Amino acid sequence: MDRTDKKLLEQLQLNSQISNQELADLVALSPSPCLRRVKLLEDNGYIKKQVALLDPEKIGLKLTVIVLVGLNSHQPAVMSEFEERVRFLPEVVQCYLITGQSADYLLKIIVPDLNAYQAFLLGKLTCINGVDTVHSSFILRTICETTALPLSHLD
């Protein structure tokens, strides 16, 4: 990983649909070496995938909820079942096993409204075996949000 690779990653995090010619110009490469480097970054797993980031509000998803979930057991089977079940709930856009809280998992849920969250909570989340406690915090306003990872440590 050299400075040019870092510049490529920075630019691709801003716009993964940039043309190879534009990208090459921004990082001071000719198009062929630029394309080779990007392909190598993909092949080596630095670039996991390229996706379209949708505007949740434009598609009717107006409520974001941060949920802390506590399980009634820390047995591997209980934790695995919880993780497997939430992995397939479309409302769950992020799930983390955490420490330092009175919870075991932190979930980010995105739904259309409070009624949809209630249906999710009562009809899906609390029905998972082992769920003991659920604490919900509703996002009032997003101050900052990015998918770009910091790369300054690569210098």
N, C-alpha and C. Protein backbone atom coordinates (compact mmCIF):
# COMPACT_ATOMS: atom_id res chain seq x y z
N MET A 1 0.86 -1.18 0.00
CA MET A 1 0.00 0.00 0.00
C MET A 1 0.90 1.23 0.00
N ASP A 2 0.89 1.97 -1.09
CA ASP A 2 1.67 3.19 -1.16
C ASP A 2 0.73 4.40 -1.21
N ARG A 3 1.31 5.59 -1.36
CA ARG A 3 0.50 6.82 -1.36
C ARG A 3 -0.50 6.86 -2.51
N THR A 4 -0.13 6.31 -3.64
CA THR A 4 -1.03 6.31 -4.78
C THR A 4 -2.24 5.41 -4.51
N ASP A 5 -1.98 4.25 -3.91
CA ASP A 5 -3.10 3.36 -3.54
C ASP A 5 -4.02 4.07 -2.55
N LYS A 6 -3.43 4.77 -1.60
CA LYS A 6 -4.23 5.51 -0.62
C LYS A 6 -5.09 6.56 -1.32
N LYS A 7 -4.49 7.29 -2.25
CA LYS A 7 -5.26 8.30 -3.00
C LYS A 7 -6.39 7.66 -3.79
N LEU A 8 -6.11 6.52 -4.40
CA LEU A 8 -7.16 5.80 -5.14
C LEU A 8 -8.31 5.44 -4.21
N LEU A 9 -7.99 4.89 -3.05
CA LEU A 9 -9.03 4.50 -2.10
C LEU A 9 -9.82 5.70 -1.60
N GLU A 10 -9.13 6.81 -1.35
CA GLU A 10 -9.83 8.02 -0.91
C GLU A 10 -10.83 8.48 -1.96
N GLN A 11 -10.40 8.51 -3.21
CA GLN A 11 -11.29 8.97 -4.29
C GLN A 11 -12.45 8.00 -4.51
N LEU A 12 -12.17 6.71 -4.47
CA LEU A 12 -13.22 5.72 -4.69
C LEU A 12 -14.25 5.71 -3.55
N GLN A 13 -13.81 6.06 -2.34
CA GLN A 13 -14.76 6.16 -1.23
C GLN A 13 -15.71 7.34 -1.43
N LEU A 14 -15.24 8.37 -2.10
CA LEU A 14 -16.09 9.53 -2.38
C LEU A 14 -17.05 9.26 -3.52
N ASN A 15 -16.59 8.52 -4.52
CA ASN A 15 -17.42 8.24 -5.69
C ASN A 15 -16.91 6.98 -6.39
N SER A 16 -17.57 5.88 -6.13
CA SER A 16 -17.12 4.61 -6.73
C SER A 16 -17.49 4.51 -8.20
N GLN A 17 -18.30 5.43 -8.70
CA GLN A 17 -18.70 5.40 -10.10
C GLN A 17 -17.87 6.34 -10.98
N ILE A 18 -16.83 6.91 -10.41
CA ILE A 18 -15.97 7.79 -11.17
C ILE A 18 -15.36 7.00 -12.34
N SER A 19 -15.20 7.66 -13.46
CA SER A 19 -14.60 6.96 -14.60
C SER A 19 -13.11 6.72 -14.32
N ASN A 20 -12.57 5.71 -14.97
CA ASN A 20 -11.16 5.40 -14.79
C ASN A 20 -10.29 6.59 -15.22
N GLN A 21 -10.68 7.28 -16.29
CA GLN A 21 -9.90 8.44 -16.76
C GLN A 21 -9.89 9.55 -15.71
N GLU A 22 -11.07 9.85 -15.14
CA GLU A 22 -11.13 10.89 -14.10
C GLU A 22 -10.31 10.50 -12.87
N LEU A 23 -10.43 9.24 -12.48
CA LEU A 23 -9.68 8.75 -11.33
C LEU A 23 -8.19 8.84 -11.59
N ALA A 24 -7.77 8.42 -12.76
CA ALA A 24 -6.35 8.48 -13.12
C ALA A 24 -5.85 9.92 -13.06
N ASP A 25 -6.64 10.86 -13.58
CA ASP A 25 -6.24 12.27 -13.54
C ASP A 25 -6.08 12.78 -12.11
N LEU A 26 -7.00 12.37 -11.23
CA LEU A 26 -6.97 12.84 -9.84
C LEU A 26 -5.77 12.32 -9.06
N VAL A 27 -5.27 11.15 -9.42
CA VAL A 27 -4.14 10.57 -8.68
C VAL A 27 -2.84 10.60 -9.47
N ALA A 28 -2.85 11.33 -10.59
CA ALA A 28 -1.65 11.53 -11.41
C ALA A 28 -1.08 10.22 -11.97
N LEU A 29 -1.97 9.41 -12.54
CA LEU A 29 -1.56 8.18 -13.23
C LEU A 29 -2.15 8.20 -14.64
N SER A 30 -1.60 7.39 -15.50
CA SER A 30 -2.26 7.18 -16.78
C SER A 30 -3.33 6.12 -16.57
N PRO A 31 -4.32 6.04 -17.45
CA PRO A 31 -5.47 5.15 -17.24
C PRO A 31 -5.13 3.67 -17.04
N SER A 32 -4.20 3.12 -17.81
CA SER A 32 -3.91 1.68 -17.69
C SER A 32 -3.35 1.30 -16.32
N PRO A 33 -2.32 1.98 -15.84
CA PRO A 33 -1.83 1.65 -14.49
C PRO A 33 -2.88 1.90 -13.40
N CYS A 34 -3.70 2.92 -13.60
CA CYS A 34 -4.77 3.21 -12.64
C CYS A 34 -5.72 2.03 -12.55
N LEU A 35 -6.16 1.54 -13.70
CA LEU A 35 -7.07 0.41 -13.74
C LEU A 35 -6.44 -0.84 -13.11
N ARG A 36 -5.16 -1.07 -13.41
CA ARG A 36 -4.46 -2.22 -12.82
C ARG A 36 -4.41 -2.12 -11.30
N ARG A 37 -4.12 -0.93 -10.81
CA ARG A 37 -4.02 -0.75 -9.35
C ARG A 37 -5.38 -0.96 -8.68
N VAL A 38 -6.43 -0.42 -9.27
CA VAL A 38 -7.77 -0.60 -8.70
C VAL A 38 -8.12 -2.08 -8.70
N LYS A 39 -7.84 -2.77 -9.78
CA LYS A 39 -8.12 -4.21 -9.86
C LYS A 39 -7.34 -4.96 -8.79
N LEU A 40 -6.09 -4.59 -8.56
CA LEU A 40 -5.26 -5.22 -7.53
C LEU A 40 -5.82 -4.93 -6.12
N LEU A 41 -6.29 -3.71 -5.91
CA LEU A 41 -6.90 -3.37 -4.62
C LEU A 41 -8.15 -4.22 -4.39
N GLU A 42 -8.93 -4.44 -5.44
CA GLU A 42 -10.11 -5.30 -5.35
C GLU A 42 -9.70 -6.76 -5.08
N ASP A 43 -8.75 -7.26 -5.86
CA ASP A 43 -8.31 -8.65 -5.73
C ASP A 43 -7.72 -8.94 -4.34
N ASN A 44 -7.06 -7.94 -3.75
CA ASN A 44 -6.44 -8.11 -2.44
C ASN A 44 -7.39 -7.81 -1.28
N GLY A 45 -8.65 -7.51 -1.59
CA GLY A 45 -9.66 -7.34 -0.56
C GLY A 45 -9.74 -5.97 0.08
N TYR A 46 -9.00 -5.00 -0.42
CA TYR A 46 -9.11 -3.65 0.14
C TYR A 46 -10.46 -3.04 -0.21
N ILE A 47 -10.95 -3.35 -1.39
CA ILE A 47 -12.28 -2.91 -1.82
C ILE A 47 -13.18 -4.12 -1.74
N LYS A 48 -14.10 -4.12 -0.77
CA LYS A 48 -14.97 -5.27 -0.56
C LYS A 48 -16.05 -5.36 -1.62
N LYS A 49 -16.73 -4.25 -1.88
CA LYS A 49 -17.76 -4.20 -2.91
C LYS A 49 -18.16 -2.76 -3.15
N GLN A 50 -18.84 -2.54 -4.26
CA GLN A 50 -19.34 -1.21 -4.58
C GLN A 50 -20.85 -1.27 -4.60
N VAL A 51 -21.47 -0.32 -3.90
CA VAL A 51 -22.93 -0.33 -3.78
C VAL A 51 -23.49 1.07 -4.02
N ALA A 52 -24.79 1.13 -4.26
CA ALA A 52 -25.49 2.41 -4.34
C ALA A 52 -26.02 2.74 -2.95
N LEU A 53 -25.75 3.93 -2.46
CA LEU A 53 -26.26 4.36 -1.17
C LEU A 53 -27.56 5.12 -1.39
N LEU A 54 -28.64 4.57 -0.89
CA LEU A 54 -29.96 5.15 -1.08
C LEU A 54 -30.27 6.19 -0.02
N ASP A 55 -31.12 7.13 -0.34
CA ASP A 55 -31.61 8.12 0.61
C ASP A 55 -32.82 7.51 1.31
N PRO A 56 -32.69 7.14 2.59
CA PRO A 56 -33.80 6.48 3.28
C PRO A 56 -35.11 7.26 3.25
N GLU A 57 -35.04 8.57 3.43
CA GLU A 57 -36.27 9.38 3.45
C GLU A 57 -36.98 9.37 2.10
N LYS A 58 -36.23 9.38 1.03
CA LYS A 58 -36.84 9.39 -0.31
C LYS A 58 -37.59 8.08 -0.60
N ILE A 59 -37.20 7.00 0.09
CA ILE A 59 -37.90 5.72 -0.11
C ILE A 59 -38.81 5.38 1.07
N GLY A 60 -39.12 6.41 1.86
CA GLY A 60 -40.12 6.25 2.91
C GLY A 60 -39.63 5.67 4.22
N LEU A 61 -38.32 5.59 4.40
CA LEU A 61 -37.77 5.08 5.67
C LEU A 61 -37.34 6.29 6.50
N LYS A 62 -38.26 6.75 7.35
CA LYS A 62 -38.07 8.03 8.04
C LYS A 62 -37.65 7.90 9.51
N LEU A 63 -37.61 6.67 10.02
CA LEU A 63 -37.28 6.50 11.44
C LEU A 63 -36.06 5.58 11.59
N THR A 64 -35.04 6.11 12.26
CA THR A 64 -33.84 5.32 12.57
C THR A 64 -33.79 5.15 14.08
N VAL A 65 -33.55 3.91 14.50
CA VAL A 65 -33.56 3.58 15.92
C VAL A 65 -32.26 2.84 16.26
N ILE A 66 -31.62 3.26 17.33
CA ILE A 66 -30.48 2.53 17.88
C ILE A 66 -31.03 1.68 19.02
N VAL A 67 -30.80 0.39 18.95
CA VAL A 67 -31.39 -0.55 19.91
C VAL A 67 -30.28 -1.31 20.62
N LEU A 68 -30.32 -1.29 21.95
CA LEU A 68 -29.43 -2.13 22.76
C LEU A 68 -30.21 -3.36 23.18
N VAL A 69 -29.67 -4.52 22.89
CA VAL A 69 -30.33 -5.79 23.19
C VAL A 69 -29.48 -6.57 24.18
N GLY A 70 -30.11 -7.01 25.26
CA GLY A 70 -29.46 -7.88 26.22
C GLY A 70 -30.03 -9.28 26.11
N LEU A 71 -29.18 -10.28 26.14
CA LEU A 71 -29.63 -11.66 26.08
C LEU A 71 -29.69 -12.23 27.49
N ASN A 72 -30.51 -13.26 27.67
CA ASN A 72 -30.63 -13.88 28.99
C ASN A 72 -29.57 -14.94 29.23
N SER A 73 -28.73 -15.19 28.23
CA SER A 73 -27.65 -16.18 28.36
C SER A 73 -26.53 -15.81 27.40
N HIS A 74 -25.31 -16.11 27.83
CA HIS A 74 -24.17 -15.88 26.95
C HIS A 74 -23.62 -17.21 26.42
N GLN A 75 -24.46 -18.21 26.44
CA GLN A 75 -24.07 -19.49 25.85
C GLN A 75 -23.88 -19.29 24.34
N PRO A 76 -22.86 -19.89 23.77
CA PRO A 76 -22.61 -19.73 22.34
C PRO A 76 -23.82 -20.05 21.46
N ALA A 77 -24.60 -21.04 21.81
CA ALA A 77 -25.76 -21.41 20.99
C ALA A 77 -26.81 -20.29 20.99
N VAL A 78 -27.01 -19.64 22.14
CA VAL A 78 -28.00 -18.56 22.24
C VAL A 78 -27.52 -17.35 21.43
N MET A 79 -26.26 -17.03 21.57
CA MET A 79 -25.71 -15.88 20.84
C MET A 79 -25.71 -16.15 19.34
N SER A 80 -25.33 -17.34 18.93
CA SER A 80 -25.33 -17.69 17.51
C SER A 80 -26.73 -17.62 16.91
N GLU A 81 -27.71 -18.11 17.66
CA GLU A 81 -29.08 -18.07 17.16
C GLU A 81 -29.55 -16.63 16.99
N PHE A 82 -29.25 -15.78 17.97
CA PHE A 82 -29.62 -14.37 17.86
C PHE A 82 -28.98 -13.75 16.62
N GLU A 83 -27.68 -13.95 16.47
CA GLU A 83 -26.96 -13.36 15.33
C GLU A 83 -27.50 -13.86 14.00
N GLU A 84 -27.80 -15.13 13.93
CA GLU A 84 -28.33 -15.69 12.68
C GLU A 84 -29.70 -15.11 12.36
N ARG A 85 -30.53 -14.95 13.37
CA ARG A 85 -31.88 -14.42 13.14
C ARG A 85 -31.86 -12.95 12.72
N VAL A 86 -31.07 -12.11 13.42
CA VAL A 86 -31.07 -10.68 13.07
C VAL A 86 -30.42 -10.43 11.71
N ARG A 87 -29.51 -11.30 11.32
CA ARG A 87 -28.85 -11.16 10.03
C ARG A 87 -29.86 -11.12 8.87
N PHE A 88 -31.01 -11.76 9.07
CA PHE A 88 -32.00 -11.85 8.00
C PHE A 88 -33.21 -10.94 8.21
N LEU A 89 -33.14 -10.04 9.17
CA LEU A 89 -34.21 -9.05 9.36
C LEU A 89 -33.86 -7.81 8.54
N PRO A 90 -34.64 -7.49 7.51
CA PRO A 90 -34.27 -6.38 6.63
C PRO A 90 -34.23 -5.02 7.33
N GLU A 91 -34.95 -4.88 8.42
CA GLU A 91 -34.95 -3.61 9.16
C GLU A 91 -33.61 -3.36 9.86
N VAL A 92 -32.88 -4.42 10.13
CA VAL A 92 -31.58 -4.32 10.82
C VAL A 92 -30.50 -4.05 9.78
N VAL A 93 -29.98 -2.83 9.79
CA VAL A 93 -28.95 -2.47 8.81
C VAL A 93 -27.54 -2.58 9.39
N GLN A 94 -27.44 -2.65 10.72
CA GLN A 94 -26.16 -2.88 11.37
C GLN A 94 -26.41 -3.63 12.66
N CYS A 95 -25.50 -4.52 12.99
CA CYS A 95 -25.57 -5.26 14.26
C CYS A 95 -24.16 -5.48 14.76
N TYR A 96 -23.94 -5.13 16.03
CA TYR A 96 -22.62 -5.25 16.63
C TYR A 96 -22.72 -5.98 17.96
N LEU A 97 -21.81 -6.90 18.22
CA LEU A 97 -21.63 -7.48 19.54
C LEU A 97 -20.79 -6.46 20.30
N ILE A 98 -21.27 -6.02 21.47
CA ILE A 98 -20.60 -4.94 22.17
C ILE A 98 -20.23 -5.35 23.60
N THR A 99 -19.42 -4.52 24.20
CA THR A 99 -19.04 -4.67 25.59
C THR A 99 -19.09 -3.28 26.23
N GLY A 100 -19.10 -3.24 27.54
CA GLY A 100 -19.08 -1.96 28.24
C GLY A 100 -20.44 -1.36 28.49
N GLN A 101 -21.48 -2.00 28.05
CA GLN A 101 -22.85 -1.53 28.28
C GLN A 101 -23.59 -2.62 29.05
N SER A 102 -24.82 -2.29 29.42
CA SER A 102 -25.67 -3.31 30.05
C SER A 102 -26.42 -4.07 28.96
N ALA A 103 -25.80 -4.19 27.81
CA ALA A 103 -26.41 -4.88 26.67
C ALA A 103 -25.33 -5.72 26.00
N ASP A 104 -25.78 -6.63 25.18
CA ASP A 104 -24.86 -7.49 24.45
C ASP A 104 -24.69 -7.08 22.99
N TYR A 105 -25.75 -6.51 22.42
CA TYR A 105 -25.73 -6.14 21.01
C TYR A 105 -26.27 -4.72 20.82
N LEU A 106 -25.71 -4.05 19.83
CA LEU A 106 -26.21 -2.76 19.39
C LEU A 106 -26.70 -2.94 17.97
N LEU A 107 -27.95 -2.55 17.72
CA LEU A 107 -28.54 -2.66 16.40
C LEU A 107 -28.90 -1.28 15.88
N LYS A 108 -28.78 -1.10 14.58
CA LYS A 108 -29.31 0.09 13.92
C LYS A 108 -30.46 -0.39 13.06
N ILE A 109 -31.63 0.15 13.35
CA ILE A 109 -32.86 -0.24 12.68
C ILE A 109 -33.37 0.94 11.87
N ILE A 110 -33.83 0.69 10.65
CA ILE A 110 -34.44 1.74 9.84
C ILE A 110 -35.80 1.24 9.36
N VAL A 111 -36.82 2.02 9.69
CA VAL A 111 -38.21 1.66 9.36
C VAL A 111 -38.97 2.91 8.92
N PRO A 112 -40.16 2.74 8.33
CA PRO A 112 -40.93 3.91 7.88
C PRO A 112 -41.39 4.83 9.01
N ASP A 113 -41.85 4.25 10.12
CA ASP A 113 -42.43 5.09 11.16
C ASP A 113 -42.51 4.31 12.48
N LEU A 114 -43.07 4.97 13.49
CA LEU A 114 -43.16 4.37 14.82
C LEU A 114 -44.02 3.11 14.82
N ASN A 115 -45.10 3.09 14.05
CA ASN A 115 -45.93 1.88 13.97
C ASN A 115 -45.13 0.71 13.40
N ALA A 116 -44.34 0.97 12.39
CA ALA A 116 -43.51 -0.09 11.80
C ALA A 116 -42.47 -0.57 12.80
N TYR A 117 -41.90 0.36 13.60
CA TYR A 117 -40.94 -0.06 14.62
C TYR A 117 -41.61 -0.92 15.67
N GLN A 118 -42.80 -0.53 16.10
CA GLN A 118 -43.52 -1.33 17.09
C GLN A 118 -43.78 -2.74 16.55
N ALA A 119 -44.19 -2.84 15.29
CA ALA A 119 -44.44 -4.15 14.67
C ALA A 119 -43.15 -4.95 14.61
N PHE A 120 -42.03 -4.31 14.26
CA PHE A 120 -40.73 -4.98 14.23
C PHE A 120 -40.34 -5.47 15.63
N LEU A 121 -40.46 -4.57 16.61
CA LEU A 121 -40.06 -4.88 17.98
C LEU A 121 -40.87 -6.05 18.55
N LEU A 122 -42.17 -5.95 18.45
CA LEU A 122 -43.04 -6.96 19.07
C LEU A 122 -43.22 -8.22 18.23
N GLY A 123 -43.11 -8.07 16.91
CA GLY A 123 -43.36 -9.22 16.05
C GLY A 123 -42.12 -9.95 15.58
N LYS A 124 -40.96 -9.32 15.73
CA LYS A 124 -39.73 -9.95 15.25
C LYS A 124 -38.64 -10.01 16.32
N LEU A 125 -38.21 -8.85 16.78
CA LEU A 125 -37.03 -8.81 17.66
C LEU A 125 -37.26 -9.53 18.98
N THR A 126 -38.33 -9.21 19.67
CA THR A 126 -38.54 -9.82 20.99
C THR A 126 -39.00 -11.27 20.89
N CYS A 127 -39.27 -11.73 19.69
CA CYS A 127 -39.64 -13.14 19.50
C CYS A 127 -38.41 -14.05 19.35
N ILE A 128 -37.24 -13.46 19.25
CA ILE A 128 -36.02 -14.26 19.10
C ILE A 128 -35.66 -14.86 20.45
N ASN A 129 -35.42 -16.16 20.44
CA ASN A 129 -35.05 -16.88 21.66
C ASN A 129 -33.84 -16.23 22.32
N GLY A 130 -33.94 -15.96 23.61
CA GLY A 130 -32.82 -15.41 24.37
C GLY A 130 -32.86 -13.92 24.59
N VAL A 131 -33.71 -13.19 23.84
CA VAL A 131 -33.77 -11.74 24.03
C VAL A 131 -34.41 -11.45 25.38
N ASP A 132 -33.68 -10.71 26.21
CA ASP A 132 -34.13 -10.42 27.57
C ASP A 132 -34.52 -8.95 27.73
N THR A 133 -33.63 -8.04 27.27
CA THR A 133 -33.92 -6.61 27.41
C THR A 133 -33.71 -5.91 26.07
N VAL A 134 -34.52 -4.87 25.86
CA VAL A 134 -34.41 -4.06 24.66
C VAL A 134 -34.56 -2.60 25.07
N HIS A 135 -33.58 -1.79 24.71
CA HIS A 135 -33.64 -0.35 24.98
C HIS A 135 -33.51 0.38 23.65
N SER A 136 -34.47 1.22 23.34
CA SER A 136 -34.52 1.90 22.06
C SER A 136 -34.23 3.39 22.22
N SER A 137 -33.40 3.92 21.33
CA SER A 137 -33.14 5.36 21.24
C SER A 137 -33.45 5.79 19.82
N PHE A 138 -34.27 6.82 19.69
CA PHE A 138 -34.71 7.28 18.38
C PHE A 138 -33.84 8.43 17.91
N ILE A 139 -33.37 8.35 16.68
CA ILE A 139 -32.53 9.38 16.10
C ILE A 139 -33.40 10.58 15.76
N LEU A 140 -33.07 11.74 16.33
CA LEU A 140 -33.81 12.96 16.04
C LEU A 140 -33.25 13.67 14.82
N ARG A 141 -31.92 13.68 14.70
CA ARG A 141 -31.27 14.36 13.60
C ARG A 141 -29.89 13.75 13.41
N THR A 142 -29.50 13.53 12.18
CA THR A 142 -28.17 13.01 11.88
C THR A 142 -27.22 14.19 11.73
N ILE A 143 -26.18 14.21 12.53
CA ILE A 143 -25.20 15.29 12.49
C ILE A 143 -24.13 15.00 11.43
N CYS A 144 -23.62 13.80 11.44
CA CYS A 144 -22.67 13.39 10.41
C CYS A 144 -22.84 11.89 10.18
N GLU A 145 -22.62 11.51 8.95
CA GLU A 145 -22.75 10.10 8.59
C GLU A 145 -21.93 9.88 7.32
N THR A 146 -21.06 8.91 7.35
CA THR A 146 -20.24 8.62 6.19
C THR A 146 -19.96 7.13 6.13
N THR A 147 -19.68 6.66 4.94
CA THR A 147 -19.21 5.28 4.78
C THR A 147 -17.71 5.27 4.55
N ALA A 148 -17.11 6.45 4.38
CA ALA A 148 -15.68 6.55 4.11
C ALA A 148 -14.88 6.24 5.38
N LEU A 149 -13.90 5.37 5.23
CA LEU A 149 -13.02 5.02 6.35
C LEU A 149 -11.85 5.99 6.40
N PRO A 150 -11.35 6.31 7.61
CA PRO A 150 -10.18 7.19 7.71
C PRO A 150 -8.94 6.44 7.19
N LEU A 151 -8.14 7.12 6.39
CA LEU A 151 -6.94 6.49 5.82
C LEU A 151 -5.66 7.22 6.22
N SER A 152 -5.77 8.22 7.09
CA SER A 152 -4.60 9.04 7.45
C SER A 152 -3.50 8.21 8.11
N HIS A 153 -3.83 7.11 8.73
CA HIS A 153 -2.82 6.27 9.39
C HIS A 153 -1.95 5.51 8.39
N LEU A 154 -2.31 5.56 7.12
CA LEU A 154 -1.55 4.84 6.10
C LEU A 154 -0.35 5.62 5.57
N ASP A 155 -0.17 6.85 6.06
CA ASP A 155 0.98 7.67 5.59
C ASP A 155 2.28 7.12 6.11
